[in-house]
Amino acid sequence: MPFVATPFAHLGAEHGDKVARNSTMPHQLAALRGAAAVLTLTNVEAEGLAGYGVPPSRLHPIGGGLDPLPTGLDEETAVRERFGLPARYAIFIGRASYDKGARFMPPKHSCRLARLWCWSASFRPSLSGFMGNWGRPNKH
């Protein structure tokens, strides 16, 4: 039976950096190299895995699954009005972890988001995601 993998690899900023090491351990790369197909979310992920020796012919970027906007909400103003968003807003959806770049999240004493609130009263964040053990960056 063919083995197909979707690794959700986080390859970091540089080949072999600490974030990439979590997705490129020898046993993980061996499994990906031996897979009949590797489904990636982006071309960047596919190119990165090719750089780690996964055969390019087996890499297939499929995207991350984005639902289209509801009918009639294809203009920015209409979307903002429908969901009650101000002109300036930011949305973060995902695991609120240090390695994913969510450094603007709590603890409050080092909160970059608080500085944005002070800078502009019209700025509104919308945060969604699992917080886990926030405040304790992963050590690699």
C-alpha atoms as a PDB file:
ATOM      1  CA  MET A   1       0.000   0.000   0.000  1.00  0.00           C
ATOM      2  CA  PRO A   2       1.477   3.433  -0.906  1.00  0.00           C
ATOM      3  CA  PHE A   3       2.400   5.787   1.915  1.00  0.00           C
ATOM      4  CA  VAL A   4       1.294   9.432   1.464  1.00  0.00           C
ATOM      5  CA  ALA A   5       2.392  12.058   4.004  1.00  0.00           C
ATOM      6  CA  THR A   6       1.383  15.605   4.838  1.00  0.00           C
ATOM      7  CA  PRO A   7       4.231  16.766   7.086  1.00  0.00           C
ATOM      8  CA  PHE A   8       3.144  20.338   7.914  1.00  0.00           C
ATOM      9  CA  ALA A   9       6.873  21.062   8.034  1.00  0.00           C
ATOM     10  CA  HIS A  10       8.044  24.243   9.705  1.00  0.00           C
ATOM     11  CA  LEU A  11      11.366  24.804   8.037  1.00  0.00           C
ATOM     12  CA  GLY A  12      12.313  28.066   9.752  1.00  0.00           C
ATOM     13  CA  ALA A  13      14.273  30.936   8.278  1.00  0.00           C
ATOM     14  CA  GLU A  14      17.408  28.987   7.374  1.00  0.00           C
ATOM     15  CA  HIS A  15      18.341  25.438   6.419  1.00  0.00           C
ATOM     16  CA  GLY A  16      18.949  23.604   9.686  1.00  0.00           C
ATOM     17  CA  ASP A  17      17.856  26.330  12.123  1.00  0.00           C
ATOM     18  CA  LYS A  18      16.187  25.392  15.427  1.00  0.00           C
ATOM     19  CA  VAL A  19      12.641  25.526  14.039  1.00  0.00           C
ATOM     20  CA  ALA A  20      13.581  23.387  11.033  1.00  0.00           C
ATOM     21  CA  ARG A  21      15.203  20.755  13.240  1.00  0.00           C
ATOM     22  CA  ASN A  22      11.763  19.883  14.666  1.00  0.00           C
ATOM     23  CA  SER A  23      10.545  18.872  11.198  1.00  0.00           C
ATOM     24  CA  THR A  24      13.743  17.433   9.770  1.00  0.00           C
ATOM     25  CA  MET A  25      14.896  14.760  12.188  1.00  0.00           C
ATOM     26  CA  PRO A  26      16.561  11.799  10.430  1.00  0.00           C
ATOM     27  CA  HIS A  27      13.614   9.436  10.976  1.00  0.00           C
ATOM     28  CA  GLN A  28      11.146  12.042   9.655  1.00  0.00           C
ATOM     29  CA  LEU A  29      13.198  12.714   6.528  1.00  0.00           C
ATOM     30  CA  ALA A  30      13.627   8.970   5.913  1.00  0.00           C
ATOM     31  CA  ALA A  31       9.844   8.530   6.010  1.00  0.00           C
ATOM     32  CA  LEU A  32       9.281  11.471   3.648  1.00  0.00           C
ATOM     33  CA  ARG A  33      11.984  10.321   1.226  1.00  0.00           C
ATOM     34  CA  GLY A  34      10.349   6.892   1.076  1.00  0.00           C
ATOM     35  CA  ALA A  35       6.783   8.153   0.655  1.00  0.00           C
ATOM     36  CA  ALA A  36       4.925   7.619  -2.603  1.00  0.00           C
ATOM     37  CA  ALA A  37       3.748  11.237  -2.331  1.00  0.00           C
ATOM     38  CA  VAL A  38       4.293  14.154   0.039  1.00  0.00           C
ATOM     39  CA  LEU A  39       1.470  16.700   0.166  1.00  0.00           C
ATOM     40  CA  THR A  40       2.675  20.150   1.208  1.00  0.00           C
ATOM     41  CA  LEU A  41       0.681  23.252   2.066  1.00  0.00           C
ATOM     42  CA  THR A  42       2.891  25.663   0.104  1.00  0.00           C
ATOM     43  CA  ASN A  43       5.471  25.761  -2.660  1.00  0.00           C
ATOM     44  CA  VAL A  44       7.935  27.085  -0.070  1.00  0.00           C
ATOM     45  CA  GLU A  45       7.427  23.957   2.044  1.00  0.00           C
ATOM     46  CA  ALA A  46       7.886  21.738  -1.035  1.00  0.00           C
ATOM     47  CA  GLU A  47      11.075  23.550  -2.059  1.00  0.00           C
ATOM     48  CA  GLY A  48      12.402  23.336   1.490  1.00  0.00           C
ATOM     49  CA  LEU A  49      11.762  19.597   1.714  1.00  0.00           C
ATOM     50  CA  ALA A  50      13.437  19.112  -1.667  1.00  0.00           C
ATOM     51  CA  GLY A  51      16.455  20.845  -0.138  1.00  0.00           C
ATOM     52  CA  TYR A  52      16.447  18.134   2.530  1.00  0.00           C
ATOM     53  CA  GLY A  53      16.511  15.371  -0.078  1.00  0.00           C
ATOM     54  CA  VAL A  54      12.840  14.578  -0.607  1.00  0.00           C
ATOM     55  CA  PRO A  55      12.501  13.789  -4.349  1.00  0.00           C
ATOM     56  CA  PRO A  56      10.816  16.778  -6.059  1.00  0.00           C
ATOM     57  CA  SER A  57       8.746  14.416  -8.226  1.00  0.00           C
ATOM     58  CA  ARG A  58       6.967  13.229  -5.061  1.00  0.00           C
ATOM     59  CA  LEU A  59       6.219  16.710  -3.672  1.00  0.00           C
ATOM     60  CA  HIS A  60       2.720  18.029  -4.364  1.00  0.00           C
ATOM     61  CA  PRO A  61       1.672  21.465  -3.013  1.00  0.00           C
ATOM     62  CA  ILE A  62      -2.073  21.244  -2.325  1.00  0.00           C
ATOM     63  CA  GLY A  63      -2.681  24.449  -0.357  1.00  0.00           C
ATOM     64  CA  GLY A  64      -4.092  24.936   3.097  1.00  0.00           C
ATOM     65  CA  GLY A  65      -7.806  24.918   2.376  1.00  0.00           C
ATOM     66  CA  LEU A  66      -9.261  28.413   2.254  1.00  0.00           C
ATOM     67  CA  ASP A  67     -13.001  28.858   2.174  1.00  0.00           C
ATOM     68  CA  PRO A  68     -14.237  31.570  -0.197  1.00  0.00           C
ATOM     69  CA  LEU A  69     -15.842  34.661   1.286  1.00  0.00           C
ATOM     70  CA  PRO A  70     -19.614  34.440   1.642  1.00  0.00           C
ATOM     71  CA  THR A  71     -21.569  35.737  -1.346  1.00  0.00           C
ATOM     72  CA  GLY A  72     -21.782  39.522  -1.379  1.00  0.00           C
ATOM     73  CA  LEU A  73     -18.771  40.041   0.872  1.00  0.00           C
ATOM     74  CA  ASP A  74     -16.060  40.388  -1.731  1.00  0.00           C
ATOM     75  CA  GLU A  75     -15.259  44.006  -0.893  1.00  0.00           C
ATOM     76  CA  GLU A  76     -13.099  44.897   2.104  1.00  0.00           C
ATOM     77  CA  THR A  77     -15.594  47.463   3.426  1.00  0.00           C
ATOM     78  CA  ALA A  78     -18.479  44.987   3.261  1.00  0.00           C
ATOM     79  CA  VAL A  79     -16.451  42.367   5.149  1.00  0.00           C
ATOM     80  CA  ARG A  80     -15.469  44.861   7.854  1.00  0.00           C
ATOM     81  CA  GLU A  81     -19.066  46.035   8.264  1.00  0.00           C
ATOM     82  CA  ARG A  82     -20.484  42.486   8.362  1.00  0.00           C
ATOM     83  CA  PHE A  83     -18.091  41.371  11.099  1.00  0.00           C
ATOM     84  CA  GLY A  84     -17.863  44.690  12.965  1.00  0.00           C
ATOM     85  CA  LEU A  85     -14.170  45.247  12.265  1.00  0.00           C
ATOM     86  CA  PRO A  86     -12.609  48.713  12.423  1.00  0.00           C
ATOM     87  CA  ALA A  87     -10.502  50.070   9.565  1.00  0.00           C
ATOM     88  CA  ARG A  88      -7.343  48.851  11.318  1.00  0.00           C
ATOM     89  CA  TYR A  89      -7.319  45.298  12.610  1.00  0.00           C
ATOM     90  CA  ALA A  90      -5.123  42.232  12.858  1.00  0.00           C
ATOM     91  CA  ILE A  91      -6.160  38.602  12.972  1.00  0.00           C
ATOM     92  CA  PHE A  92      -4.085  35.712  14.295  1.00  0.00           C
ATOM     93  CA  ILE A  93      -5.492  32.202  13.983  1.00  0.00           C
ATOM     94  CA  GLY A  94      -3.366  29.271  15.014  1.00  0.00           C
ATOM     95  CA  ARG A  95      -1.361  27.760  17.816  1.00  0.00           C
ATOM     96  CA  ALA A  96      -0.062  30.705  19.792  1.00  0.00           C
ATOM     97  CA  SER A  97       3.496  29.462  20.123  1.00  0.00           C
ATOM     98  CA  TYR A  98       6.822  31.250  20.145  1.00  0.00           C
ATOM     99  CA  ASP A  99       8.175  29.263  17.195  1.00  0.00           C
ATOM    100  CA  LYS A 100       5.194  30.208  15.024  1.00  0.00           C
ATOM    101  CA  GLY A 101       5.899  33.896  15.471  1.00  0.00           C
ATOM    102  CA  ALA A 102       3.137  34.671  17.947  1.00  0.00           C
ATOM    103  CA  ARG A 103       5.521  36.663  20.118  1.00  0.00           C
ATOM    104  CA  PHE A 104       3.015  39.481  20.434  1.00  0.00           C
ATOM    105  CA  MET A 105       0.864  37.350  22.731  1.00  0.00           C
ATOM    106  CA  PRO A 106       0.910  37.429  26.586  1.00  0.00           C
ATOM    107  CA  PRO A 107       2.557  37.590  29.112  1.00  0.00           C
ATOM    108  CA  LYS A 108       1.268  41.136  29.538  1.00  0.00           C
ATOM    109  CA  HIS A 109       4.571  42.591  30.709  1.00  0.00           C
ATOM    110  CA  SER A 110       6.204  42.064  27.318  1.00  0.00           C
ATOM    111  CA  CYS A 111       3.123  42.423  25.171  1.00  0.00           C
ATOM    112  CA  ARG A 112       3.797  44.019  21.782  1.00  0.00           C
ATOM    113  CA  LEU A 113       0.082  44.037  21.160  1.00  0.00           C
ATOM    114  CA  ALA A 114      -0.416  46.401  24.099  1.00  0.00           C
ATOM    115  CA  ARG A 115       1.950  48.867  22.435  1.00  0.00           C
ATOM    116  CA  LEU A 116      -0.207  48.739  19.306  1.00  0.00           C
ATOM    117  CA  TRP A 117      -3.309  49.488  21.381  1.00  0.00           C
ATOM    118  CA  CYS A 118      -1.559  52.513  22.894  1.00  0.00           C
ATOM    119  CA  TRP A 119      -0.414  53.674  19.469  1.00  0.00           C
ATOM    120  CA  SER A 120      -3.856  53.562  17.913  1.00  0.00           C
ATOM    121  CA  ALA A 121      -7.162  53.420  19.762  1.00  0.00           C
ATOM    122  CA  SER A 122      -8.809  52.271  16.524  1.00  0.00           C
ATOM    123  CA  PHE A 123      -6.630  49.149  16.278  1.00  0.00           C
ATOM    124  CA  ARG A 124      -8.409  45.947  17.291  1.00  0.00           C
ATOM    125  CA  PRO A 125      -6.831  42.499  17.426  1.00  0.00           C
ATOM    126  CA  SER A 126      -8.700  39.252  16.997  1.00  0.00           C
ATOM    127  CA  LEU A 127      -6.848  36.276  18.457  1.00  0.00           C
ATOM    128  CA  SER A 128      -7.833  32.649  18.127  1.00  0.00           C
ATOM    129  CA  GLY A 129      -5.769  29.593  18.945  1.00  0.00           C
ATOM    130  CA  PHE A 130      -4.485  27.193  21.565  1.00  0.00           C
ATOM    131  CA  MET A 131      -2.281  28.932  24.128  1.00  0.00           C
ATOM    132  CA  GLY A 132      -0.615  25.841  25.606  1.00  0.00           C
ATOM    133  CA  ASN A 133       2.216  26.602  28.031  1.00  0.00           C
ATOM    134  CA  TRP A 134       2.741  30.172  26.884  1.00  0.00           C
ATOM    135  CA  GLY A 135       5.751  31.966  28.254  1.00  0.00           C
ATOM    136  CA  ARG A 136       8.046  28.970  28.129  1.00  0.00           C
ATOM    137  CA  PRO A 137       9.710  28.965  24.680  1.00  0.00           C
ATOM    138  CA  ASN A 138      10.669  25.533  23.431  1.00  0.00           C
ATOM    139  CA  LYS A 139      14.317  24.725  23.980  1.00  0.00           C
ATOM    140  CA  HIS A 140      16.030  22.809  21.198  1.00  0.00           C
END
